[in-house]
Amino acid sequence: MRIGLITADPGHQLLADATALLASRHEVMALDPRGDDNPASPGNPASPGELADVYLLKARTPPALALARSLERRGAPVVNSAAATTRCQDRTAMAERALRAGLPFAPTRTVASLAGLAAEPPPRPVVVKSRHSRRHDLVARVDDAAQLRALTADWADEPVVVQDFVPNDGWDHKLWVVAGRVFAALRRSELAAGGRGPNLPLALDALPPGWLDPVLRVGPVFALDVYGVDLIDSGGGAPLIVDINAFPGIRGQAGAPEALAALALRTAERGGLTASRA
C-alpha cells in the first residue's frame, strides 16, 4: 500500500508513530501542501497513476484543503474528507450542524465583526471566538465592555461567534476518536487563569455516565473518522460540547498510532468507504 500524509510536519508524534508502524510493509510519503509536491500546484506534473491508496489529511490550511479536494476529484480516498474538514473550520456551520442533529453543543451566535459586537456589548459574560478556526485565532472570555473594547485593538474586523460563558470547574475534557476508538485526557481550559497546561491522563471509565454517546455521534453527524471533541460539565454532570476538531494531534495516547495505521490500511483496502466518504 501507498499512504500519503498531507502535512507540513510529518515528524508530528502521531504521524511519526503511525508511519513507524506502517513503513516496514508499506510506502509512506509526505506531501507538504505549501510546496511544489502539492499535486494541486499548477506546476506539478503528477499524474493519476501516481496516486497513493489513501491520504491522511492532517493539515487544515487552505492549500491543504485544495490538495485534498484535488486528490478526491482524481478518485483517491482522503481521511478526513476535505468537505468534512472544512465544516469544522467554520464555527458557525459547526454549531448549526451539531445543534440541528441534537448534539449538546453550546448555543452559538455569529457577529460580522468584533467591532460590531463591541458596539452592543453582551449583558453577561461570554466566550468570543474567531468564526474561522485556525492557528493563533481568537478565543477569549469577555466579562464586560472594557475587555471587549481592549480586544478590538487587534481584532476589530475579525468575524466572531459568541457563546454564553457557562460556569464550570475550569477543566476541559479532551476526547479523541479514531475510527470509533476513544481516547481521553483532562486539560485546564485555555480560558482559565494560567493557561492550558499539559494534558492529564483520563480513563474512559472515569467519565461521567452518558458522556461517550454524544462524542461517538459526532463522527457520523460530521462525516469524520478522526476527530476531537472538547466538553465541559455544564452542571449536574451534563456534558456541553464547546469545540470539534478534525484530525487533532492526539499526542501521548497509547494505542492512537495503531488505530490510525489500521484505519489507513482499512480505508485503502475498501477504497475509502468509511465515514469520511459519506
Protein backbone atom coordinates (compact mmCIF):
# COMPACT_ATOMS: atom_id res chain seq x y z
CA MET A 1 0.00 0.00 0.00
CA ARG A 2 0.98 3.63 -0.53
CA ILE A 3 -0.13 6.01 2.23
CA GLY A 4 0.12 9.75 1.74
CA LEU A 5 0.36 12.22 4.61
CA ILE A 6 -0.94 15.71 3.82
CA THR A 7 1.06 17.72 6.32
CA ALA A 8 3.84 20.24 6.68
CA ASP A 9 5.03 18.33 9.76
CA PRO A 10 5.48 14.59 9.09
CA GLY A 11 7.51 14.43 12.31
CA HIS A 12 4.40 15.14 14.39
CA GLN A 13 4.29 12.45 17.07
CA LEU A 14 1.04 10.80 15.97
CA LEU A 15 2.04 10.71 12.29
CA ALA A 16 5.62 9.65 13.00
CA ASP A 17 4.49 6.81 15.26
CA ALA A 18 1.88 5.63 12.73
CA THR A 19 4.49 5.82 9.97
CA ALA A 20 6.87 3.66 12.01
CA LEU A 21 4.17 1.01 12.26
CA LEU A 22 3.43 1.10 8.54
CA ALA A 23 6.83 1.62 6.95
CA SER A 24 8.10 -1.96 7.23
CA ARG A 25 5.47 -3.23 4.78
CA HIS A 26 4.07 -0.12 3.11
CA GLU A 27 5.30 3.06 1.46
CA VAL A 28 4.50 6.22 3.40
CA MET A 29 5.04 9.56 1.69
CA ALA A 30 4.52 13.09 2.99
CA LEU A 31 3.01 15.82 0.83
CA ASP A 32 3.71 19.34 2.04
CA PRO A 33 0.70 21.41 0.89
CA ARG A 34 2.90 24.52 0.90
CA GLY A 35 5.39 23.16 -1.62
CA ASP A 36 5.82 22.06 -5.21
CA ASP A 37 4.97 18.45 -4.29
CA ASN A 38 1.37 19.54 -3.91
CA PRO A 39 -0.44 17.90 -6.88
CA ALA A 40 -2.85 20.84 -6.87
CA SER A 41 0.07 23.14 -7.68
CA PRO A 42 -0.11 24.40 -11.30
CA GLY A 43 3.49 23.37 -11.97
CA ASN A 44 3.28 19.85 -10.62
CA PRO A 45 3.37 17.13 -13.33
CA ALA A 46 1.94 14.37 -11.11
CA SER A 47 -0.36 12.03 -12.99
CA PRO A 48 -3.35 9.98 -11.79
CA GLY A 49 -1.17 6.87 -11.85
CA GLU A 50 0.93 8.30 -9.05
CA LEU A 51 -1.90 8.45 -6.54
CA ALA A 52 -1.46 6.81 -3.16
CA ASP A 53 -4.04 4.28 -1.97
CA VAL A 54 -5.16 6.60 0.82
CA TYR A 55 -4.28 10.07 2.14
CA LEU A 56 -4.41 11.28 5.74
CA LEU A 57 -5.38 14.97 5.86
CA LYS A 58 -3.59 16.28 8.97
CA ALA A 59 -3.19 19.90 7.82
CA ARG A 60 -6.21 22.20 7.66
CA THR A 61 -4.84 25.22 5.78
CA PRO A 62 -6.43 26.42 2.51
CA PRO A 63 -3.60 24.86 0.43
CA ALA A 64 -4.04 21.54 2.27
CA LEU A 65 -7.79 21.55 1.67
CA ALA A 66 -7.24 22.42 -2.00
CA LEU A 67 -4.82 19.50 -2.27
CA ALA A 68 -7.30 17.13 -0.63
CA ARG A 69 -10.10 18.21 -2.96
CA SER A 70 -7.81 17.72 -5.97
CA LEU A 71 -6.94 14.19 -4.85
CA GLU A 72 -10.59 13.34 -4.19
CA ARG A 73 -11.54 14.50 -7.68
CA ARG A 74 -8.95 12.08 -9.02
CA GLY A 75 -10.55 9.24 -7.07
CA ALA A 76 -8.31 8.98 -4.01
CA PRO A 77 -9.81 8.37 -0.54
CA VAL A 78 -8.88 11.11 1.94
CA VAL A 79 -9.26 10.84 5.74
CA ASN A 80 -10.94 13.08 6.77
CA SER A 81 -12.54 14.35 3.57
CA ALA A 82 -11.95 17.94 2.51
CA ALA A 83 -15.66 18.71 2.93
CA ALA A 84 -15.81 17.31 6.48
CA THR A 85 -12.62 19.12 7.47
CA THR A 86 -13.91 22.40 6.04
CA ARG A 87 -17.13 22.13 8.06
CA CYS A 88 -15.07 22.03 11.25
CA GLN A 89 -13.15 25.16 10.26
CA ASP A 90 -16.29 27.32 10.26
CA ARG A 91 -17.59 27.56 13.81
CA THR A 92 -20.94 28.90 12.63
CA ALA A 93 -21.52 25.89 10.37
CA MET A 94 -20.20 23.59 13.10
CA ALA A 95 -22.68 24.86 15.69
CA GLU A 96 -25.61 24.81 13.26
CA ARG A 97 -24.91 21.23 12.21
CA ALA A 98 -24.38 20.00 15.77
CA LEU A 99 -27.49 21.65 17.18
CA ARG A 100 -29.61 20.50 14.24
CA ALA A 101 -28.52 16.93 14.99
CA GLY A 102 -29.48 17.29 18.65
CA LEU A 103 -25.92 17.21 19.99
CA PRO A 104 -25.37 19.07 23.29
CA PHE A 105 -23.43 21.88 21.63
CA ALA A 106 -23.08 25.33 23.15
CA PRO A 107 -25.69 27.75 21.68
CA THR A 108 -23.77 30.00 19.31
CA ARG A 109 -24.50 33.24 17.52
CA THR A 110 -22.44 34.87 14.78
CA VAL A 111 -21.40 38.52 14.55
CA ALA A 112 -19.87 40.01 11.42
CA SER A 113 -17.01 41.65 13.30
CA LEU A 114 -15.69 42.05 16.83
CA ALA A 115 -16.13 45.80 16.44
CA GLY A 116 -19.82 45.22 15.78
CA LEU A 117 -20.10 43.17 18.96
CA ALA A 118 -18.29 45.91 20.91
CA ALA A 119 -20.88 48.41 19.71
CA GLU A 120 -23.56 46.37 21.53
CA PRO A 121 -21.77 44.54 24.38
CA PRO A 122 -23.48 41.40 25.75
CA PRO A 123 -25.11 41.90 29.17
CA ARG A 124 -23.43 38.80 30.64
CA PRO A 125 -20.03 37.04 30.44
CA VAL A 126 -19.46 35.38 27.07
CA VAL A 127 -16.82 33.42 25.20
CA VAL A 128 -15.78 35.05 21.93
CA LYS A 129 -14.07 33.00 19.21
CA SER A 130 -12.93 33.63 15.67
CA ARG A 131 -15.59 32.33 13.33
CA HIS A 132 -12.92 30.62 11.23
CA SER A 133 -10.82 28.19 13.27
CA ARG A 134 -7.09 28.40 12.60
CA ARG A 135 -3.77 28.51 14.41
CA HIS A 136 -3.49 31.51 16.77
CA ASP A 137 -7.13 32.52 16.31
CA LEU A 138 -9.16 34.49 18.85
CA VAL A 139 -10.60 32.61 21.84
CA ALA A 140 -11.33 34.75 24.89
CA ARG A 141 -13.68 35.10 27.82
CA VAL A 142 -15.22 38.57 27.97
CA ASP A 143 -16.83 39.73 31.20
CA ASP A 144 -17.51 43.38 30.42
CA ALA A 145 -17.46 46.11 27.79
CA ALA A 146 -13.96 47.24 28.75
CA GLN A 147 -12.48 43.82 27.98
CA LEU A 148 -14.33 43.74 24.69
CA ARG A 149 -13.01 47.16 23.69
CA ALA A 150 -9.47 46.06 24.55
CA LEU A 151 -9.75 43.08 22.21
CA THR A 152 -10.81 45.30 19.31
CA ALA A 153 -7.34 46.86 19.27
CA ASP A 154 -6.08 43.73 17.47
CA TRP A 155 -9.25 42.02 16.30
CA ALA A 156 -11.71 44.74 15.27
CA ASP A 157 -12.51 43.29 11.82
CA GLU A 158 -12.49 39.65 12.90
CA PRO A 159 -15.75 37.73 12.23
CA VAL A 160 -16.64 36.06 15.53
CA VAL A 161 -19.01 33.64 17.19
CA VAL A 162 -20.36 34.27 20.68
CA GLN A 163 -21.34 31.72 23.32
CA ASP A 164 -22.64 32.45 26.81
CA PHE A 165 -19.99 31.61 29.38
CA VAL A 166 -21.06 28.51 31.30
CA PRO A 167 -19.68 28.37 34.86
CA ASN A 168 -17.59 25.20 35.21
CA ASP A 169 -14.64 23.74 37.09
CA GLY A 170 -12.07 25.16 34.64
CA TRP A 171 -11.20 21.79 33.09
CA ASP A 172 -11.80 20.71 29.51
CA HIS A 173 -12.48 17.05 28.86
CA LYS A 174 -10.49 16.30 25.69
CA LEU A 175 -11.85 13.27 23.85
CA TRP A 176 -10.36 12.00 20.62
CA VAL A 177 -11.79 9.37 18.31
CA VAL A 178 -10.03 7.30 15.66
CA ALA A 179 -12.45 5.09 13.71
CA GLY A 180 -14.67 4.66 16.77
CA ARG A 181 -11.87 4.10 19.29
CA VAL A 182 -11.94 6.78 22.01
CA PHE A 183 -9.02 8.34 23.90
CA ALA A 184 -9.36 10.91 26.67
CA ALA A 185 -7.49 13.46 28.78
CA LEU A 186 -8.13 16.42 31.06
CA ARG A 187 -6.63 19.83 30.38
CA ARG A 188 -7.05 23.22 32.00
CA SER A 189 -9.27 25.42 29.87
CA GLU A 190 -7.48 28.00 27.76
CA LEU A 191 -9.86 30.47 29.41
CA ALA A 192 -8.59 29.59 32.89
CA ALA A 193 -6.05 31.74 34.72
CA GLY A 194 -2.55 30.49 33.99
CA GLY A 195 -3.38 28.97 30.62
CA ARG A 196 -3.86 25.42 29.48
CA GLY A 197 -1.03 23.40 30.96
CA PRO A 198 -0.37 19.76 30.00
CA ASN A 199 -2.88 17.04 29.21
CA LEU A 200 -3.56 14.76 32.16
CA PRO A 201 -4.47 11.09 31.65
CA LEU A 202 -8.16 10.27 31.91
CA ALA A 203 -9.55 6.74 31.87
CA LEU A 204 -12.75 6.33 29.89
CA ASP A 205 -14.48 4.71 32.85
CA ALA A 206 -13.79 7.91 34.82
CA LEU A 207 -16.05 9.91 32.51
CA PRO A 208 -19.48 10.84 33.85
CA PRO A 209 -22.25 8.50 32.68
CA GLY A 210 -23.57 9.29 29.22
CA TRP A 211 -20.65 11.41 28.02
CA LEU A 212 -19.36 8.94 25.43
CA ASP A 213 -22.62 8.80 23.47
CA PRO A 214 -22.60 12.37 22.09
CA VAL A 215 -18.87 12.10 21.35
CA LEU A 216 -19.38 8.99 19.23
CA ARG A 217 -22.36 10.60 17.49
CA VAL A 218 -20.16 13.46 16.30
CA GLY A 219 -18.43 11.12 13.82
CA PRO A 220 -21.45 10.26 11.67
CA VAL A 221 -23.01 13.72 12.09
CA PHE A 222 -19.89 15.42 10.71
CA ALA A 223 -18.68 12.53 8.49
CA LEU A 224 -15.40 12.36 10.42
CA ASP A 225 -13.20 9.32 11.01
CA VAL A 226 -10.53 11.10 13.10
CA TYR A 227 -11.65 13.93 15.33
CA GLY A 228 -11.53 15.60 18.72
CA VAL A 229 -14.32 16.88 20.94
CA ASP A 230 -13.90 19.35 23.79
CA LEU A 231 -16.52 19.06 26.54
CA ILE A 232 -17.20 20.80 29.83
CA ASP A 233 -19.56 19.95 32.66
CA SER A 234 -22.49 22.32 32.20
CA GLY A 235 -23.94 21.46 35.60
CA GLY A 236 -25.26 18.31 37.23
CA GLY A 237 -22.87 16.16 35.21
CA ALA A 238 -24.40 17.10 31.84
CA PRO A 239 -21.84 17.43 29.02
CA LEU A 240 -21.64 20.51 26.81
CA ILE A 241 -19.63 20.37 23.58
CA VAL A 242 -17.67 23.58 23.06
CA ASP A 243 -15.49 22.59 20.10
CA ILE A 244 -14.98 19.89 17.46
CA ASN A 245 -11.70 19.41 15.61
CA ALA A 246 -10.91 17.41 12.50
CA PHE A 247 -7.74 15.28 12.85
CA PRO A 248 -6.30 16.68 16.10
CA GLY A 249 -2.84 15.85 17.44
CA ILE A 250 -3.76 13.07 19.92
CA ARG A 251 -0.27 13.17 21.41
CA GLY A 252 0.77 10.70 24.07
CA GLN A 253 -2.28 8.46 23.81
CA ALA A 254 -1.33 4.78 23.92
CA GLY A 255 -2.94 2.93 21.02
CA ALA A 256 -3.72 6.01 18.91
CA PRO A 257 -0.94 5.43 16.32
CA GLU A 258 -2.05 1.79 15.98
CA ALA A 259 -5.67 2.85 15.49
CA LEU A 260 -4.64 5.41 12.85
CA ALA A 261 -2.42 2.96 10.97
CA ALA A 262 -5.21 0.36 10.94
CA LEU A 263 -7.70 2.97 9.71
CA ALA A 264 -5.37 3.99 6.86
CA LEU A 265 -4.97 0.42 5.66
CA ARG A 266 -8.66 -0.39 6.05
CA THR A 267 -9.65 2.72 4.09
CA ALA A 268 -7.19 1.91 1.32
CA GLU A 269 -8.47 -1.66 1.07
CA ARG A 270 -12.10 -0.54 0.92
CA GLY A 271 -11.46 2.29 -1.47
CA GLY A 272 -12.47 4.94 1.03
CA LEU A 273 -15.88 3.61 2.02
CA THR A 274 -15.73 5.00 5.56
CA ALA A 275 -17.42 7.90 7.33
CA SER A 276 -15.12 10.37 5.58
CA ARG A 277 -16.66 9.45 2.23
CA ALA A 278 -20.25 9.96 3.41
